[in-house]
Amino acid sequence: MDMAAQHPTAALLSCEVVMEILSWVPAKPLTRLKLVCKSWNSIISHPHFVKLHLRRSPKNAILLSTRTPALTLGEEGKQSIVLSSVESFIQNPSSALDAQENRHSLHVQDWVSGSCNGLVCVARILYHPDNDICDIWFRLLNPLTGFISENSPCLHVNVHNAFGFGYDESSDSYKVVTLIPDSSGTVTAQVYSFGGSSWKTINSFPAFPILAEDYSDHFIGGTLNWLGLRNPHGGDYDWAAVTLDMLMIVSFDLKSDTNKQILLPKGIDEIPAQEPILGVWGNRLYLLHDYKNTHFIAWQMKEFGDENSWTQLLKISFHHLGVETLLPEFIFENGNIFMLIGRGSFEEVFYDRRDNSVKRLNFFSNNRYLIAFDYVESLVLPC
């Protein structure tokens, strides 16, 4: 300590060495290491260190949003988020879901709308039973640090809406986008940057997401992405009447507040029997759908933004999986392991395309509803 006091260069070097070492420590122990001394607390709390640590953090966790409905009259349902490593969840999903030390309770009116850089975006939705109107507030929370942001300004909108959450690196800000169709089918985007005081309106959004989009994350490469129906079809549609030319992928740039179309894979030449799902898992864009209600097909965009990089990863029969119909839930290991829900039997199906193996588990106790998101433990606080 005396040498550091006499030689500022030595003190600076010591600080850099400590920062380098701490940047490789997992996020949870770092929250305790802040208590070691003032200098460590200063290093760990510094925005530069937080970003360095985030870049080096392993992307091997999963966030599970669970909802258990009320079972008796007068009882309220339960809503919570559960954090788990991918490995633990694949090995024993029931234990991962039941682990109380990794569970965080939410209000019954809360819905998780996305996860990004360790922050979770939660929507509080208050429905008005007399009409098709609801009030929505959004907030951010960091389950690791306990941080909770202030609520966004309230949106008073119709119940047919969709939203996505992501990060704009150019302004170092976290944003939520809400898509709202009117009675004519015209879609408006409302954009809110956390820490701000108002919503920004973007007129003439070209499509409205199909209902299946509620089951997936949308953020990749500074953009939010949805599979939707071209205007003026809006949120009220009959899937049996949908044609292939009505479908489009819309990519919304959080930096410029502009959107562009991404073409569907060239191998899709007919409308699936069920609504497809566009989602982001493991920082890759996927399009998942059935083929003639007998097979499950998965497309992966190898290079985001390059429409020629769509690659068909998987085509497997429902018969091989032992189910009649499927709802895709999550994709692990860079597209090697698929978690799917057998709709009729309330079971999870894990399919590993590396060895063509199938594992079926029934862990939907008490009719538990489940949505899974990519997650990384971090120290991030929004500006």
Protein backbone atom coordinates (compact mmCIF):
# COMPACT_ATOMS: atom_id res chain seq x y z
CA MET A 1 0.00 0.00 0.00
CA ASP A 2 2.87 2.38 0.79
CA MET A 3 4.50 1.68 -2.56
CA ALA A 4 1.21 2.38 -4.35
CA ALA A 5 0.89 5.68 -2.50
CA GLN A 6 4.42 6.71 -3.56
CA HIS A 7 4.08 5.51 -7.14
CA PRO A 8 0.79 6.50 -8.85
CA THR A 9 1.65 4.30 -11.85
CA ALA A 10 1.83 1.27 -9.58
CA ALA A 11 -1.54 2.18 -8.09
CA LEU A 12 -3.06 2.54 -11.55
CA LEU A 13 -1.59 -0.78 -12.63
CA SER A 14 -2.96 -2.43 -9.52
CA CYS A 15 -6.43 -1.05 -10.28
CA GLU A 16 -6.29 -2.32 -13.86
CA VAL A 17 -5.18 -5.77 -12.72
CA VAL A 18 -8.02 -5.94 -10.19
CA MET A 19 -10.53 -4.85 -12.85
CA GLU A 20 -9.24 -7.47 -15.28
CA ILE A 21 -9.51 -10.25 -12.70
CA LEU A 22 -12.95 -9.21 -11.43
CA SER A 23 -14.35 -8.94 -14.96
CA TRP A 24 -14.14 -12.74 -15.25
CA VAL A 25 -15.97 -13.40 -11.96
CA PRO A 26 -19.65 -14.44 -12.28
CA ALA A 27 -22.17 -11.67 -11.59
CA LYS A 28 -23.68 -13.11 -8.41
CA PRO A 29 -20.38 -13.28 -6.45
CA LEU A 30 -19.55 -9.77 -7.67
CA THR A 31 -22.53 -8.36 -5.80
CA ARG A 32 -20.91 -9.62 -2.59
CA LEU A 33 -17.38 -8.60 -3.56
CA LYS A 34 -18.56 -4.97 -3.71
CA LEU A 35 -18.57 -5.13 0.09
CA VAL A 36 -14.87 -6.04 0.37
CA CYS A 37 -13.62 -2.45 0.20
CA LYS A 38 -14.45 0.95 -1.24
CA SER A 39 -12.07 0.61 -4.18
CA TRP A 40 -13.61 -2.71 -5.26
CA ASN A 41 -17.11 -1.27 -4.89
CA SER A 42 -16.05 1.67 -7.06
CA ILE A 43 -14.58 -0.61 -9.73
CA ILE A 44 -17.53 -3.02 -9.85
CA SER A 45 -20.08 -0.18 -9.94
CA HIS A 46 -18.38 1.74 -12.75
CA PRO A 47 -20.33 1.69 -16.07
CA HIS A 48 -17.18 0.77 -18.02
CA PHE A 49 -16.64 -2.29 -15.83
CA VAL A 50 -20.32 -3.28 -16.05
CA LYS A 51 -20.15 -3.31 -19.86
CA LEU A 52 -16.80 -5.16 -19.87
CA HIS A 53 -18.20 -7.78 -17.51
CA LEU A 54 -21.36 -8.17 -19.62
CA ARG A 55 -19.29 -8.86 -22.76
CA ARG A 56 -17.38 -11.57 -20.91
CA SER A 57 -20.34 -13.17 -19.16
CA PRO A 58 -21.32 -16.64 -20.42
CA LYS A 59 -24.63 -16.68 -22.27
CA ASN A 60 -25.77 -19.93 -20.72
CA ALA A 61 -28.83 -19.03 -18.66
CA ILE A 62 -32.56 -19.14 -19.22
CA LEU A 63 -35.38 -17.04 -17.77
CA LEU A 64 -38.70 -18.81 -17.29
CA SER A 65 -41.89 -16.84 -16.92
CA THR A 66 -44.45 -19.02 -15.15
CA ARG A 67 -48.12 -18.43 -14.44
CA THR A 68 -50.31 -20.68 -12.30
CA PRO A 69 -54.04 -19.94 -12.58
CA ALA A 70 -56.35 -19.77 -9.58
CA LEU A 71 -57.61 -23.23 -8.67
CA THR A 72 -60.48 -22.23 -6.37
CA LEU A 73 -63.03 -19.41 -6.24
CA GLY A 74 -61.59 -16.31 -4.58
CA GLU A 75 -58.00 -17.46 -5.05
CA GLU A 76 -55.59 -15.38 -7.15
CA GLY A 77 -53.29 -16.87 -9.73
CA LYS A 78 -49.53 -16.68 -9.26
CA GLN A 79 -47.00 -15.12 -11.61
CA SER A 80 -43.23 -15.35 -11.21
CA ILE A 81 -39.92 -15.57 -13.03
CA VAL A 82 -37.41 -18.35 -12.44
CA LEU A 83 -33.71 -18.19 -13.36
CA SER A 84 -31.73 -21.29 -14.27
CA SER A 85 -28.65 -22.37 -16.11
CA VAL A 86 -29.42 -24.02 -19.44
CA GLU A 87 -27.64 -27.21 -18.33
CA SER A 88 -29.65 -27.51 -15.10
CA PHE A 89 -32.94 -26.90 -16.86
CA ILE A 90 -32.31 -29.48 -19.59
CA GLN A 91 -31.21 -32.12 -17.05
CA ASN A 92 -34.09 -31.59 -14.63
CA PRO A 93 -36.74 -29.03 -15.64
CA SER A 94 -39.01 -29.71 -12.65
CA SER A 95 -36.24 -29.06 -10.11
CA ALA A 96 -35.19 -25.89 -11.93
CA LEU A 97 -38.75 -24.57 -11.93
CA ASP A 98 -39.28 -25.41 -8.25
CA ALA A 99 -36.00 -23.88 -6.99
CA GLN A 100 -37.19 -21.16 -4.61
CA GLU A 101 -33.79 -19.42 -4.34
CA ASN A 102 -34.01 -18.50 -8.03
CA ARG A 103 -37.68 -17.48 -8.03
CA HIS A 104 -38.91 -13.89 -8.12
CA SER A 105 -42.63 -13.22 -7.61
CA LEU A 106 -44.55 -10.83 -9.84
CA HIS A 107 -48.03 -9.34 -9.65
CA VAL A 108 -50.77 -11.45 -11.21
CA GLN A 109 -51.35 -8.68 -13.79
CA ASP A 110 -47.69 -8.66 -14.87
CA TRP A 111 -46.42 -10.13 -18.13
CA VAL A 112 -42.78 -10.58 -19.09
CA SER A 113 -42.24 -8.95 -22.47
CA GLY A 114 -38.53 -9.67 -22.97
CA SER A 115 -35.05 -10.00 -21.52
CA CYS A 116 -31.91 -8.19 -22.64
CA ASN A 117 -28.45 -7.84 -21.03
CA GLY A 118 -29.73 -9.14 -17.70
CA LEU A 119 -32.68 -6.72 -17.56
CA VAL A 120 -36.23 -8.02 -17.70
CA CYS A 121 -39.03 -5.90 -19.16
CA VAL A 122 -42.34 -6.41 -17.36
CA ALA A 123 -45.71 -5.10 -18.52
CA ARG A 124 -48.46 -4.39 -16.00
CA ILE A 125 -51.74 -4.78 -17.89
CA LEU A 126 -55.06 -3.60 -16.49
CA TYR A 127 -58.02 -4.75 -18.58
CA HIS A 128 -61.32 -2.89 -18.67
CA PRO A 129 -64.04 -5.57 -18.84
CA ASP A 130 -66.68 -3.29 -20.37
CA ASN A 131 -64.73 -2.68 -23.59
CA ASP A 132 -61.69 -3.78 -25.56
CA ILE A 133 -59.42 -1.26 -23.85
CA CYS A 134 -56.51 -1.81 -21.46
CA ASP A 135 -53.96 0.31 -19.61
CA ILE A 136 -50.31 -0.76 -19.85
CA TRP A 137 -47.25 0.32 -17.87
CA PHE A 138 -43.76 -1.07 -18.41
CA ARG A 139 -40.86 -1.31 -15.97
CA LEU A 140 -37.41 -2.89 -15.91
CA LEU A 141 -35.99 -5.13 -13.24
CA ASN A 142 -32.64 -6.80 -12.71
CA PRO A 143 -33.40 -10.01 -10.78
CA LEU A 144 -29.77 -10.34 -9.67
CA THR A 145 -29.28 -6.88 -8.15
CA GLY A 146 -32.89 -6.22 -7.16
CA PHE A 147 -33.06 -3.06 -9.26
CA ILE A 148 -36.56 -1.94 -10.33
CA SER A 149 -37.09 1.05 -12.59
CA GLU A 150 -39.90 3.57 -12.45
CA ASN A 151 -42.95 2.78 -14.55
CA SER A 152 -43.25 4.08 -18.07
CA PRO A 153 -46.07 6.54 -18.80
CA CYS A 154 -49.37 4.70 -19.15
CA LEU A 155 -50.62 3.59 -22.56
CA HIS A 156 -54.42 3.53 -22.93
CA VAL A 157 -54.91 1.22 -25.92
CA ASN A 158 -57.10 -1.53 -27.32
CA VAL A 159 -56.42 -5.06 -26.16
CA HIS A 160 -55.18 -6.15 -29.61
CA ASN A 161 -51.57 -5.08 -29.16
CA ALA A 162 -48.09 -6.53 -29.28
CA PHE A 163 -44.79 -5.41 -27.81
CA GLY A 164 -41.06 -6.05 -27.84
CA PHE A 165 -38.07 -5.00 -25.75
CA GLY A 166 -34.45 -4.34 -26.70
CA TYR A 167 -31.29 -2.25 -26.42
CA ASP A 168 -30.16 0.70 -28.55
CA GLU A 169 -26.36 0.72 -28.31
CA SER A 170 -26.02 4.07 -30.10
CA SER A 171 -27.81 5.90 -27.27
CA ASP A 172 -27.05 3.33 -24.54
CA SER A 173 -30.77 3.09 -23.86
CA TYR A 174 -33.33 0.33 -23.36
CA LYS A 175 -36.55 0.64 -25.32
CA VAL A 176 -39.95 -0.99 -25.48
CA VAL A 177 -42.09 -0.86 -28.63
CA THR A 178 -45.85 -1.37 -28.58
CA LEU A 179 -47.75 -2.07 -31.81
CA ILE A 180 -51.39 -0.98 -31.88
CA PRO A 181 -53.87 -1.51 -34.75
CA ASP A 182 -56.95 0.69 -35.15
CA SER A 183 -60.36 -0.32 -36.47
CA SER A 184 -59.27 0.22 -40.08
CA GLY A 185 -56.27 -2.08 -39.71
CA THR A 186 -53.68 0.71 -39.68
CA VAL A 187 -50.88 -0.10 -37.22
CA THR A 188 -49.10 2.50 -35.09
CA ALA A 189 -45.88 1.91 -33.16
CA GLN A 190 -45.36 3.57 -29.78
CA VAL A 191 -41.70 3.72 -28.66
CA TYR A 192 -40.56 4.39 -25.09
CA SER A 193 -36.97 4.84 -23.94
CA PHE A 194 -36.62 3.99 -20.24
CA GLY A 195 -35.74 7.08 -18.25
CA GLY A 196 -37.75 9.27 -20.60
CA SER A 197 -41.02 11.05 -19.93
CA SER A 198 -43.16 10.24 -22.96
CA TRP A 199 -43.91 7.80 -25.77
CA LYS A 200 -42.89 8.51 -29.36
CA THR A 201 -45.43 7.72 -32.07
CA ILE A 202 -44.33 6.04 -35.32
CA ASN A 203 -47.13 6.04 -37.89
CA SER A 204 -47.83 3.57 -40.69
CA PHE A 205 -46.23 0.39 -39.34
CA PRO A 206 -46.63 -2.07 -42.25
CA ALA A 207 -47.94 -5.18 -40.43
CA PHE A 208 -49.38 -6.51 -37.20
CA PRO A 209 -47.82 -9.59 -35.51
CA ILE A 210 -49.76 -12.84 -35.58
CA LEU A 211 -50.92 -14.21 -32.24
CA ALA A 212 -48.25 -16.91 -32.03
CA GLU A 213 -45.61 -14.17 -31.67
CA ASP A 214 -46.53 -13.86 -27.97
CA TYR A 215 -44.45 -16.98 -27.30
CA SER A 216 -41.03 -15.70 -28.34
CA ASP A 217 -38.40 -13.01 -27.94
CA HIS A 218 -37.83 -10.52 -30.76
CA PHE A 219 -34.54 -8.65 -30.17
CA ILE A 220 -31.38 -9.18 -32.21
CA GLY A 221 -28.70 -6.85 -33.59
CA GLY A 222 -30.32 -3.62 -32.37
CA THR A 223 -33.67 -4.54 -33.94
CA LEU A 224 -37.05 -5.95 -32.95
CA ASN A 225 -38.53 -8.48 -35.36
CA TRP A 226 -42.05 -9.77 -35.85
CA LEU A 227 -43.83 -12.09 -38.24
CA GLY A 228 -47.06 -10.35 -39.14
CA LEU A 229 -49.91 -9.86 -41.56
CA ARG A 230 -49.69 -6.98 -43.98
CA ASN A 231 -52.10 -4.13 -43.34
CA PRO A 232 -55.05 -3.81 -43.27
CA HIS A 233 -55.59 -7.28 -41.77
CA GLY A 234 -54.67 -6.18 -38.23
CA GLY A 235 -55.02 -8.30 -35.11
CA ASP A 236 -58.40 -9.80 -35.97
CA TYR A 237 -57.95 -12.52 -38.58
CA ASP A 238 -58.97 -16.03 -39.56
CA TRP A 239 -55.82 -18.11 -40.12
CA ALA A 240 -57.67 -20.39 -42.52
CA ALA A 241 -58.14 -17.39 -44.83
CA VAL A 242 -54.50 -16.21 -44.67
CA THR A 243 -52.43 -16.56 -47.83
CA LEU A 244 -48.64 -16.66 -48.15
CA ASP A 245 -48.41 -13.20 -49.73
CA MET A 246 -50.10 -11.70 -46.66
CA LEU A 247 -47.23 -12.80 -44.39
CA MET A 248 -44.17 -10.60 -43.86
CA ILE A 249 -41.28 -10.27 -41.42
CA VAL A 250 -40.84 -6.70 -40.17
CA SER A 251 -37.56 -5.59 -38.58
CA PHE A 252 -37.72 -2.39 -36.51
CA ASP A 253 -34.42 -0.54 -35.97
CA LEU A 254 -34.24 0.86 -32.42
CA LYS A 255 -31.60 3.44 -33.41
CA SER A 256 -33.41 5.05 -36.34
CA ASP A 257 -37.02 4.14 -35.45
CA THR A 258 -37.45 2.83 -38.98
CA ASN A 259 -38.53 -0.57 -40.27
CA LYS A 260 -37.75 -2.81 -43.22
CA GLN A 261 -39.00 -6.12 -44.56
CA ILE A 262 -37.06 -9.39 -44.29
CA LEU A 263 -38.04 -12.00 -46.85
CA LEU A 264 -39.30 -15.41 -45.75
CA PRO A 265 -37.10 -18.44 -46.51
CA LYS A 266 -37.33 -19.36 -50.19
CA GLY A 267 -38.24 -22.95 -49.30
CA ILE A 268 -41.65 -21.95 -47.90
CA ASP A 269 -44.09 -22.36 -50.77
CA GLU A 270 -47.42 -22.85 -48.98
CA ILE A 271 -49.15 -21.53 -45.90
CA PRO A 272 -48.65 -23.73 -42.79
CA ALA A 273 -51.70 -25.26 -41.11
CA GLN A 274 -50.84 -23.44 -37.86
CA GLU A 275 -49.46 -19.96 -37.23
CA PRO A 276 -45.64 -19.96 -37.59
CA ILE A 277 -43.41 -18.50 -34.89
CA LEU A 278 -40.57 -16.07 -35.48
CA GLY A 279 -38.22 -15.88 -32.51
CA VAL A 280 -34.72 -15.10 -31.30
CA TRP A 281 -32.84 -17.71 -29.31
CA GLY A 282 -29.08 -17.77 -28.70
CA ASN A 283 -28.71 -14.56 -30.73
CA ARG A 284 -30.05 -16.25 -33.87
CA LEU A 285 -33.30 -15.59 -35.73
CA TYR A 286 -35.52 -18.65 -36.25
CA LEU A 287 -38.73 -19.29 -38.14
CA LEU A 288 -40.65 -22.34 -36.92
CA HIS A 289 -43.73 -23.88 -38.52
CA ASP A 290 -45.55 -27.10 -39.33
CA TYR A 291 -45.73 -28.77 -42.72
CA LYS A 292 -49.18 -30.15 -43.65
CA ASN A 293 -49.81 -30.64 -39.93
CA THR A 294 -47.57 -33.72 -39.99
CA HIS A 295 -44.03 -32.31 -39.66
CA PHE A 296 -42.20 -29.66 -37.67
CA ILE A 297 -39.77 -27.43 -39.63
CA ALA A 298 -37.13 -25.04 -38.24
CA TRP A 299 -35.29 -22.38 -40.25
CA GLN A 300 -32.28 -20.48 -38.89
CA MET A 301 -30.89 -17.23 -40.31
CA LYS A 302 -27.13 -17.85 -40.11
CA GLU A 303 -26.23 -14.18 -40.62
CA PHE A 304 -28.84 -11.75 -39.35
CA GLY A 305 -30.04 -9.45 -42.10
CA ASP A 306 -28.82 -11.71 -44.92
CA GLU A 307 -31.95 -13.22 -46.45
CA ASN A 308 -29.85 -15.71 -48.41
CA SER A 309 -28.54 -17.21 -45.16
CA TRP A 310 -31.87 -18.82 -44.19
CA THR A 311 -31.05 -22.50 -43.59
CA GLN A 312 -33.48 -25.31 -42.90
CA LEU A 313 -32.11 -26.93 -39.74
CA LEU A 314 -34.80 -29.42 -39.10
CA LYS A 315 -37.75 -31.30 -40.57
CA ILE A 316 -39.13 -33.99 -38.30
CA SER A 317 -42.44 -35.82 -38.20
CA PHE A 318 -44.92 -35.45 -35.37
CA HIS A 319 -45.06 -39.25 -35.39
CA HIS A 320 -41.35 -39.50 -34.49
CA LEU A 321 -41.90 -37.10 -31.59
CA GLY A 322 -44.97 -39.02 -30.46
CA VAL A 323 -47.34 -36.05 -30.52
CA GLU A 324 -50.17 -34.81 -32.73
CA THR A 325 -49.35 -31.10 -32.80
CA LEU A 326 -46.62 -28.88 -31.39
CA LEU A 327 -45.99 -25.44 -29.97
CA PRO A 328 -42.28 -24.43 -30.12
CA GLU A 329 -41.05 -23.06 -26.81
CA PHE A 330 -37.25 -22.63 -26.77
CA ILE A 331 -34.09 -23.52 -28.71
CA PHE A 332 -30.80 -24.42 -27.00
CA GLU A 333 -27.22 -25.17 -28.02
CA ASN A 334 -27.15 -23.11 -31.23
CA GLY A 335 -30.12 -24.87 -32.74
CA ASN A 336 -29.30 -28.40 -31.63
CA ILE A 337 -31.89 -28.90 -28.87
CA PHE A 338 -35.53 -27.90 -29.32
CA MET A 339 -38.03 -27.61 -26.47
CA LEU A 340 -41.59 -27.97 -27.68
CA ILE A 341 -44.95 -28.30 -26.00
CA GLY A 342 -47.22 -31.17 -26.88
CA ARG A 343 -50.43 -29.15 -26.91
CA GLY A 344 -52.85 -32.00 -26.29
CA SER A 345 -50.97 -33.68 -23.46
CA PHE A 346 -49.47 -30.70 -21.57
CA GLU A 347 -46.00 -32.13 -21.77
CA GLU A 348 -42.60 -30.78 -22.75
CA VAL A 349 -40.77 -32.48 -25.60
CA PHE A 350 -36.98 -32.14 -25.84
CA TYR A 351 -35.60 -33.08 -29.23
CA ASP A 352 -31.83 -33.26 -29.87
CA ARG A 353 -31.15 -33.21 -33.59
CA ARG A 354 -27.53 -34.31 -33.07
CA ASP A 355 -28.56 -37.85 -32.15
CA ASN A 356 -32.25 -37.73 -33.16
CA SER A 357 -33.27 -38.41 -29.54
CA VAL A 358 -36.60 -37.49 -27.98
CA LYS A 359 -37.29 -36.93 -24.28
CA ARG A 360 -40.81 -36.24 -23.04
CA LEU A 361 -41.52 -34.81 -19.61
CA ASN A 362 -44.80 -33.90 -17.96
CA PHE A 363 -44.03 -31.13 -15.47
CA PHE A 364 -46.99 -28.82 -15.99
CA SER A 365 -48.27 -29.29 -12.45
CA ASN A 366 -51.36 -27.23 -11.61
CA ASN A 367 -51.73 -26.28 -15.28
CA ARG A 368 -48.64 -24.07 -15.10
CA TYR A 369 -48.14 -21.72 -18.06
CA LEU A 370 -44.55 -21.25 -19.21
CA ILE A 371 -42.62 -18.92 -21.54
CA ALA A 372 -38.82 -19.09 -21.82
CA PHE A 373 -36.34 -16.34 -22.69
CA ASP A 374 -32.59 -16.10 -23.16
CA TYR A 375 -31.00 -14.60 -20.06
CA VAL A 376 -27.59 -13.53 -18.79
CA GLU A 377 -26.79 -12.56 -15.21
CA SER A 378 -25.42 -9.03 -15.18
CA LEU A 379 -24.89 -5.88 -13.12
CA VAL A 380 -26.52 -3.67 -15.76
CA LEU A 381 -28.56 -0.66 -14.68
CA PRO A 382 -30.34 1.39 -17.37
CA CYS A 383 -29.26 5.01 -17.77
